[in-house]
């Protein structure tokens, strides 16, 4: 056997050994089970978020139509203690990553119902902040990350349109006051906003569509 043939055979053998490694790196898409997600919603989540994540108590978020990646991230961070909430920490503790993906996909499969703004004298201010920010304090426009319609971007930014104003206001205050600590960007943005501005943009978001 000459040297060239030996070299070729050696390369082929090395390729054969490496092939399983490359195959292992190519992970298949994660499948979700909406039926299991619905069951988790009914058994674990419905008391606070209703059976399908629709417009329940204003202090709790509407989950219908939310990006599943965002919901999984929040559940994971509740479970890990990165986002603090006594109720949600307890609820998420029993959920596996698969459970989180299934229930998040279930809520995401539902079409969110539109909401309405309630405070007429703040709507104009809320729209200005959402679409243009607050220039003199370098507060960026909310639309820059969450889109002009409040649809957000999967993985990165949550859907906001139609969300309860009370819930959104509480979250913005939480970021500003250091109560909610799982998003450094939002902490920086809200640090420059006063109570009236937070209330205005939260109310505007409630009617955004």
C-alpha atoms as a PDB file:
ATOM      1  CA  UNK A   1       0.000   0.000   0.000  1.00  0.00           C
ATOM      2  CA  UNK A   2       1.546   3.338  -0.981  1.00  0.00           C
ATOM      3  CA  UNK A   3       1.635   6.458   1.210  1.00  0.00           C
ATOM      4  CA  UNK A   4      -1.136   8.266  -0.664  1.00  0.00           C
ATOM      5  CA  UNK A   5      -3.610   5.428  -0.216  1.00  0.00           C
ATOM      6  CA  UNK A   6      -2.728   5.154   3.471  1.00  0.00           C
ATOM      7  CA  UNK A   7      -3.305   8.877   3.906  1.00  0.00           C
ATOM      8  CA  UNK A   8      -6.666   8.736   2.164  1.00  0.00           C
ATOM      9  CA  UNK A   9      -7.824   5.833   4.313  1.00  0.00           C
ATOM     10  CA  UNK A  10      -6.695   7.635   7.451  1.00  0.00           C
ATOM     11  CA  UNK A  11      -8.688  10.726   6.463  1.00  0.00           C
ATOM     12  CA  UNK A  12     -11.787   8.642   5.751  1.00  0.00           C
ATOM     13  CA  UNK A  13     -11.509   6.926   9.126  1.00  0.00           C
ATOM     14  CA  UNK A  14     -11.136  10.254  10.899  1.00  0.00           C
ATOM     15  CA  UNK A  15     -14.182  11.621   9.088  1.00  0.00           C
ATOM     16  CA  UNK A  16     -16.245   8.598  10.086  1.00  0.00           C
ATOM     17  CA  UNK A  17     -15.326   9.092  13.718  1.00  0.00           C
ATOM     18  CA  UNK A  18     -16.094  12.804  13.586  1.00  0.00           C
ATOM     19  CA  UNK A  19     -19.465  12.385  11.869  1.00  0.00           C
ATOM     20  CA  UNK A  20     -21.433  11.491  15.029  1.00  0.00           C
ATOM     21  CA  UNK A  21     -20.056  14.610  16.724  1.00  0.00           C
ATOM     22  CA  UNK A  22     -21.326  16.871  13.964  1.00  0.00           C
ATOM     23  CA  UNK A  23     -24.682  15.070  13.994  1.00  0.00           C
ATOM     24  CA  UNK A  24     -24.975  15.588  17.748  1.00  0.00           C
ATOM     25  CA  UNK A  25     -24.382  19.318  17.332  1.00  0.00           C
ATOM     26  CA  UNK A  26     -27.374  19.650  14.984  1.00  0.00           C
ATOM     27  CA  UNK A  27     -30.163  19.684  17.545  1.00  0.00           C
ATOM     28  CA  UNK A  28     -33.694  19.075  16.235  1.00  0.00           C
ATOM     29  CA  UNK A  29     -36.361  21.709  16.855  1.00  0.00           C
ATOM     30  CA  UNK A  30     -37.987  21.327  20.268  1.00  0.00           C
ATOM     31  CA  UNK A  31     -41.549  20.059  19.935  1.00  0.00           C
ATOM     32  CA  UNK A  32     -44.299  21.390  22.162  1.00  0.00           C
ATOM     33  CA  UNK A  33     -47.531  19.788  23.297  1.00  0.00           C
ATOM     34  CA  UNK A  34     -50.420  22.265  23.444  1.00  0.00           C
ATOM     35  CA  UNK A  35     -52.684  19.752  25.188  1.00  0.00           C
ATOM     36  CA  UNK A  36     -50.177  19.364  28.006  1.00  0.00           C
ATOM     37  CA  UNK A  37     -49.784  23.124  28.113  1.00  0.00           C
ATOM     38  CA  UNK A  38     -53.531  23.541  28.455  1.00  0.00           C
ATOM     39  CA  UNK A  39     -53.577  21.010  31.291  1.00  0.00           C
ATOM     40  CA  UNK A  40     -50.830  22.912  33.145  1.00  0.00           C
ATOM     41  CA  UNK A  41     -52.724  26.156  32.628  1.00  0.00           C
ATOM     42  CA  UNK A  42     -55.890  24.640  34.073  1.00  0.00           C
ATOM     43  CA  UNK A  43     -54.163  22.966  37.031  1.00  0.00           C
ATOM     44  CA  UNK A  44     -51.513  25.526  37.963  1.00  0.00           C
ATOM     45  CA  UNK A  45     -52.105  28.927  36.367  1.00  0.00           C
ATOM     46  CA  UNK A  46     -55.827  29.501  35.904  1.00  0.00           C
ATOM     47  CA  UNK A  47     -56.575  30.841  39.402  1.00  0.00           C
ATOM     48  CA  UNK A  48     -54.605  34.000  38.617  1.00  0.00           C
ATOM     49  CA  UNK A  49     -54.379  34.084  34.818  1.00  0.00           C
ATOM     50  CA  UNK A  50     -57.717  32.474  33.816  1.00  0.00           C
ATOM     51  CA  UNK A  51     -57.854  29.200  31.903  1.00  0.00           C
ATOM     52  CA  UNK A  52     -56.552  30.689  28.650  1.00  0.00           C
ATOM     53  CA  UNK A  53     -54.480  33.647  29.885  1.00  0.00           C
ATOM     54  CA  UNK A  54     -57.115  36.221  28.911  1.00  0.00           C
ATOM     55  CA  UNK A  55     -58.228  39.422  30.611  1.00  0.00           C
ATOM     56  CA  UNK A  56     -58.362  38.451  34.273  1.00  0.00           C
ATOM     57  CA  UNK A  57     -57.539  40.547  37.354  1.00  0.00           C
ATOM     58  CA  UNK A  58     -55.739  43.770  36.262  1.00  0.00           C
ATOM     59  CA  UNK A  59     -52.857  43.199  38.677  1.00  0.00           C
ATOM     60  CA  UNK A  60     -51.968  39.977  36.853  1.00  0.00           C
ATOM     61  CA  UNK A  61     -50.617  39.984  33.284  1.00  0.00           C
ATOM     62  CA  UNK A  62     -52.566  38.954  30.216  1.00  0.00           C
ATOM     63  CA  UNK A  63     -50.690  35.990  28.749  1.00  0.00           C
ATOM     64  CA  UNK A  64     -52.671  35.429  25.550  1.00  0.00           C
ATOM     65  CA  UNK A  65     -50.596  36.039  22.445  1.00  0.00           C
ATOM     66  CA  UNK A  66     -47.373  36.592  24.381  1.00  0.00           C
ATOM     67  CA  UNK A  67     -44.172  35.345  22.758  1.00  0.00           C
ATOM     68  CA  UNK A  68     -43.504  31.839  24.113  1.00  0.00           C
ATOM     69  CA  UNK A  69     -39.756  32.474  24.387  1.00  0.00           C
ATOM     70  CA  UNK A  70     -40.448  35.442  26.667  1.00  0.00           C
ATOM     71  CA  UNK A  71     -42.808  33.425  28.867  1.00  0.00           C
ATOM     72  CA  UNK A  72     -40.270  30.602  29.206  1.00  0.00           C
ATOM     73  CA  UNK A  73     -37.586  33.119  30.145  1.00  0.00           C
ATOM     74  CA  UNK A  74     -39.758  34.648  32.869  1.00  0.00           C
ATOM     75  CA  UNK A  75     -40.783  31.261  34.298  1.00  0.00           C
ATOM     76  CA  UNK A  76     -37.164  30.144  34.307  1.00  0.00           C
ATOM     77  CA  UNK A  77     -36.098  33.303  36.122  1.00  0.00           C
ATOM     78  CA  UNK A  78     -38.916  33.018  38.675  1.00  0.00           C
ATOM     79  CA  UNK A  79     -37.786  29.466  39.385  1.00  0.00           C
ATOM     80  CA  UNK A  80     -34.134  30.503  39.676  1.00  0.00           C
ATOM     81  CA  UNK A  81     -34.954  33.513  41.878  1.00  0.00           C
ATOM     82  CA  UNK A  82     -33.623  36.015  39.341  1.00  0.00           C
ATOM     83  CA  UNK A  83     -37.101  37.559  39.154  1.00  0.00           C
ATOM     84  CA  UNK A  84     -38.645  37.762  42.588  1.00  0.00           C
ATOM     85  CA  UNK A  85     -42.311  37.057  43.263  1.00  0.00           C
ATOM     86  CA  UNK A  86     -43.386  34.780  46.096  1.00  0.00           C
ATOM     87  CA  UNK A  87     -46.428  33.386  44.275  1.00  0.00           C
ATOM     88  CA  UNK A  88     -44.702  32.819  40.943  1.00  0.00           C
ATOM     89  CA  UNK A  89     -41.598  31.356  42.577  1.00  0.00           C
ATOM     90  CA  UNK A  90     -43.789  28.732  44.191  1.00  0.00           C
ATOM     91  CA  UNK A  91     -45.768  28.016  41.043  1.00  0.00           C
ATOM     92  CA  UNK A  92     -42.730  27.735  38.788  1.00  0.00           C
ATOM     93  CA  UNK A  93     -40.761  25.559  41.222  1.00  0.00           C
ATOM     94  CA  UNK A  94     -42.631  22.430  40.156  1.00  0.00           C
ATOM     95  CA  UNK A  95     -42.397  23.111  36.411  1.00  0.00           C
ATOM     96  CA  UNK A  96     -39.800  21.365  34.272  1.00  0.00           C
ATOM     97  CA  UNK A  97     -38.311  23.113  31.216  1.00  0.00           C
ATOM     98  CA  UNK A  98     -40.634  20.985  29.090  1.00  0.00           C
ATOM     99  CA  UNK A  99     -43.659  22.081  31.159  1.00  0.00           C
ATOM    100  CA  UNK A 100     -42.647  25.712  30.704  1.00  0.00           C
ATOM    101  CA  UNK A 101     -42.332  25.345  26.944  1.00  0.00           C
ATOM    102  CA  UNK A 102     -45.700  23.602  26.700  1.00  0.00           C
ATOM    103  CA  UNK A 103     -47.672  26.091  28.764  1.00  0.00           C
ATOM    104  CA  UNK A 104     -45.938  29.038  27.086  1.00  0.00           C
ATOM    105  CA  UNK A 105     -46.837  27.641  23.662  1.00  0.00           C
ATOM    106  CA  UNK A 106     -50.438  27.171  24.785  1.00  0.00           C
ATOM    107  CA  UNK A 107     -50.789  30.825  25.809  1.00  0.00           C
ATOM    108  CA  UNK A 108     -48.986  32.004  22.688  1.00  0.00           C
ATOM    109  CA  UNK A 109     -51.453  30.073  20.519  1.00  0.00           C
ATOM    110  CA  UNK A 110     -54.333  32.218  21.785  1.00  0.00           C
ATOM    111  CA  UNK A 111     -55.185  35.533  20.151  1.00  0.00           C
ATOM    112  CA  UNK A 112     -54.945  38.421  22.589  1.00  0.00           C
ATOM    113  CA  UNK A 113     -58.050  40.542  22.960  1.00  0.00           C
ATOM    114  CA  UNK A 114     -57.705  44.332  22.553  1.00  0.00           C
ATOM    115  CA  UNK A 115     -57.845  46.651  25.548  1.00  0.00           C
ATOM    116  CA  UNK A 116     -58.584  50.353  26.058  1.00  0.00           C
ATOM    117  CA  UNK A 117     -56.872  53.334  27.649  1.00  0.00           C
ATOM    118  CA  UNK A 118     -58.771  54.774  30.612  1.00  0.00           C
ATOM    119  CA  UNK A 119     -57.152  58.090  31.520  1.00  0.00           C
ATOM    120  CA  UNK A 120     -57.916  60.521  28.693  1.00  0.00           C
ATOM    121  CA  UNK A 121     -55.771  63.385  30.010  1.00  0.00           C
ATOM    122  CA  UNK A 122     -52.667  61.147  29.953  1.00  0.00           C
ATOM    123  CA  UNK A 123     -53.100  59.484  26.564  1.00  0.00           C
ATOM    124  CA  UNK A 124     -51.268  62.197  24.629  1.00  0.00           C
ATOM    125  CA  UNK A 125     -48.300  62.116  27.010  1.00  0.00           C
ATOM    126  CA  UNK A 126     -48.259  58.317  26.923  1.00  0.00           C
ATOM    127  CA  UNK A 127     -48.228  58.295  23.134  1.00  0.00           C
ATOM    128  CA  UNK A 128     -45.397  60.843  23.031  1.00  0.00           C
ATOM    129  CA  UNK A 129     -43.248  58.716  25.329  1.00  0.00           C
ATOM    130  CA  UNK A 130     -44.085  55.435  23.622  1.00  0.00           C
ATOM    131  CA  UNK A 131     -43.382  56.744  20.126  1.00  0.00           C
ATOM    132  CA  UNK A 132     -40.769  59.418  20.755  1.00  0.00           C
ATOM    133  CA  UNK A 133     -39.279  58.874  24.202  1.00  0.00           C
ATOM    134  CA  UNK A 134     -38.208  61.769  26.436  1.00  0.00           C
ATOM    135  CA  UNK A 135     -35.410  63.531  24.583  1.00  0.00           C
ATOM    136  CA  UNK A 136     -34.081  65.800  27.331  1.00  0.00           C
ATOM    137  CA  UNK A 137     -33.506  62.798  29.623  1.00  0.00           C
ATOM    138  CA  UNK A 138     -32.438  60.407  26.889  1.00  0.00           C
ATOM    139  CA  UNK A 139     -35.329  58.065  27.502  1.00  0.00           C
ATOM    140  CA  UNK A 140     -35.691  56.010  24.291  1.00  0.00           C
ATOM    141  CA  UNK A 141     -39.012  55.460  22.561  1.00  0.00           C
ATOM    142  CA  UNK A 142     -40.721  52.268  23.715  1.00  0.00           C
ATOM    143  CA  UNK A 143     -41.631  51.586  20.074  1.00  0.00           C
ATOM    144  CA  UNK A 144     -37.965  51.164  19.236  1.00  0.00           C
ATOM    145  CA  UNK A 145     -37.874  47.795  21.015  1.00  0.00           C
ATOM    146  CA  UNK A 146     -41.526  46.817  21.362  1.00  0.00           C
ATOM    147  CA  UNK A 147     -42.591  47.965  17.843  1.00  0.00           C
ATOM    148  CA  UNK A 148     -45.059  50.755  16.975  1.00  0.00           C
ATOM    149  CA  UNK A 149     -48.006  48.402  17.474  1.00  0.00           C
ATOM    150  CA  UNK A 150     -46.698  46.915  20.724  1.00  0.00           C
ATOM    151  CA  UNK A 151     -46.193  43.501  19.123  1.00  0.00           C
ATOM    152  CA  UNK A 152     -42.651  43.183  20.456  1.00  0.00           C
ATOM    153  CA  UNK A 153     -40.042  40.821  19.035  1.00  0.00           C
ATOM    154  CA  UNK A 154     -39.865  37.069  19.770  1.00  0.00           C
ATOM    155  CA  UNK A 155     -37.112  36.099  22.224  1.00  0.00           C
ATOM    156  CA  UNK A 156     -36.003  39.677  22.842  1.00  0.00           C
ATOM    157  CA  UNK A 157     -38.969  41.924  23.677  1.00  0.00           C
ATOM    158  CA  UNK A 158     -42.435  41.036  25.007  1.00  0.00           C
ATOM    159  CA  UNK A 159     -45.723  41.921  23.415  1.00  0.00           C
ATOM    160  CA  UNK A 160     -47.215  44.938  25.228  1.00  0.00           C
ATOM    161  CA  UNK A 161     -50.328  45.957  23.308  1.00  0.00           C
ATOM    162  CA  UNK A 162     -53.551  45.588  25.279  1.00  0.00           C
ATOM    163  CA  UNK A 163     -51.778  44.707  28.518  1.00  0.00           C
ATOM    164  CA  UNK A 164     -53.506  45.797  31.744  1.00  0.00           C
ATOM    165  CA  UNK A 165     -52.377  49.342  32.560  1.00  0.00           C
ATOM    166  CA  UNK A 166     -52.220  48.459  36.250  1.00  0.00           C
ATOM    167  CA  UNK A 167     -49.862  45.568  35.601  1.00  0.00           C
ATOM    168  CA  UNK A 168     -47.619  47.508  33.215  1.00  0.00           C
ATOM    169  CA  UNK A 169     -47.413  50.433  35.623  1.00  0.00           C
ATOM    170  CA  UNK A 170     -46.451  48.114  38.487  1.00  0.00           C
ATOM    171  CA  UNK A 171     -43.701  46.506  36.408  1.00  0.00           C
ATOM    172  CA  UNK A 172     -42.268  49.839  35.270  1.00  0.00           C
ATOM    173  CA  UNK A 173     -42.230  51.087  38.860  1.00  0.00           C
ATOM    174  CA  UNK A 174     -40.658  47.797  39.920  1.00  0.00           C
ATOM    175  CA  UNK A 175     -37.829  48.222  37.421  1.00  0.00           C
ATOM    176  CA  UNK A 176     -37.272  51.831  38.492  1.00  0.00           C
ATOM    177  CA  UNK A 177     -37.373  51.121  42.223  1.00  0.00           C
ATOM    178  CA  UNK A 178     -35.142  48.055  42.076  1.00  0.00           C
ATOM    179  CA  UNK A 179     -37.896  45.599  42.966  1.00  0.00           C
ATOM    180  CA  UNK A 180     -37.764  43.858  39.593  1.00  0.00           C
ATOM    181  CA  UNK A 181     -34.147  43.167  38.719  1.00  0.00           C
ATOM    182  CA  UNK A 182     -34.156  40.870  35.700  1.00  0.00           C
ATOM    183  CA  UNK A 183     -33.680  43.427  32.922  1.00  0.00           C
ATOM    184  CA  UNK A 184     -30.850  45.954  33.116  1.00  0.00           C
ATOM    185  CA  UNK A 185     -32.079  47.894  30.067  1.00  0.00           C
ATOM    186  CA  UNK A 186     -35.515  48.503  31.586  1.00  0.00           C
ATOM    187  CA  UNK A 187     -33.970  49.467  34.905  1.00  0.00           C
ATOM    188  CA  UNK A 188     -31.932  52.120  33.123  1.00  0.00           C
ATOM    189  CA  UNK A 189     -34.878  53.426  31.103  1.00  0.00           C
ATOM    190  CA  UNK A 190     -37.322  53.721  33.994  1.00  0.00           C
ATOM    191  CA  UNK A 191     -34.744  55.315  36.295  1.00  0.00           C
ATOM    192  CA  UNK A 192     -35.303  58.538  34.324  1.00  0.00           C
ATOM    193  CA  UNK A 193     -39.116  58.473  34.452  1.00  0.00           C
ATOM    194  CA  UNK A 194     -41.463  59.964  37.055  1.00  0.00           C
ATOM    195  CA  UNK A 195     -44.734  58.482  38.317  1.00  0.00           C
ATOM    196  CA  UNK A 196     -46.917  60.497  35.933  1.00  0.00           C
ATOM    197  CA  UNK A 197     -44.901  59.467  32.891  1.00  0.00           C
ATOM    198  CA  UNK A 198     -44.973  55.816  33.895  1.00  0.00           C
ATOM    199  CA  UNK A 199     -48.722  55.926  34.437  1.00  0.00           C
ATOM    200  CA  UNK A 200     -49.246  57.684  31.106  1.00  0.00           C
ATOM    201  CA  UNK A 201     -47.270  55.216  29.008  1.00  0.00           C
ATOM    202  CA  UNK A 202     -48.835  52.236  30.815  1.00  0.00           C
ATOM    203  CA  UNK A 203     -52.330  53.551  30.075  1.00  0.00           C
ATOM    204  CA  UNK A 204     -51.449  54.234  26.458  1.00  0.00           C
ATOM    205  CA  UNK A 205     -50.117  50.682  26.065  1.00  0.00           C
ATOM    206  CA  UNK A 206     -53.428  49.290  27.376  1.00  0.00           C
ATOM    207  CA  UNK A 207     -55.225  50.726  24.331  1.00  0.00           C
ATOM    208  CA  UNK A 208     -52.465  50.087  21.815  1.00  0.00           C
ATOM    209  CA  UNK A 209     -53.285  47.812  18.891  1.00  0.00           C
END
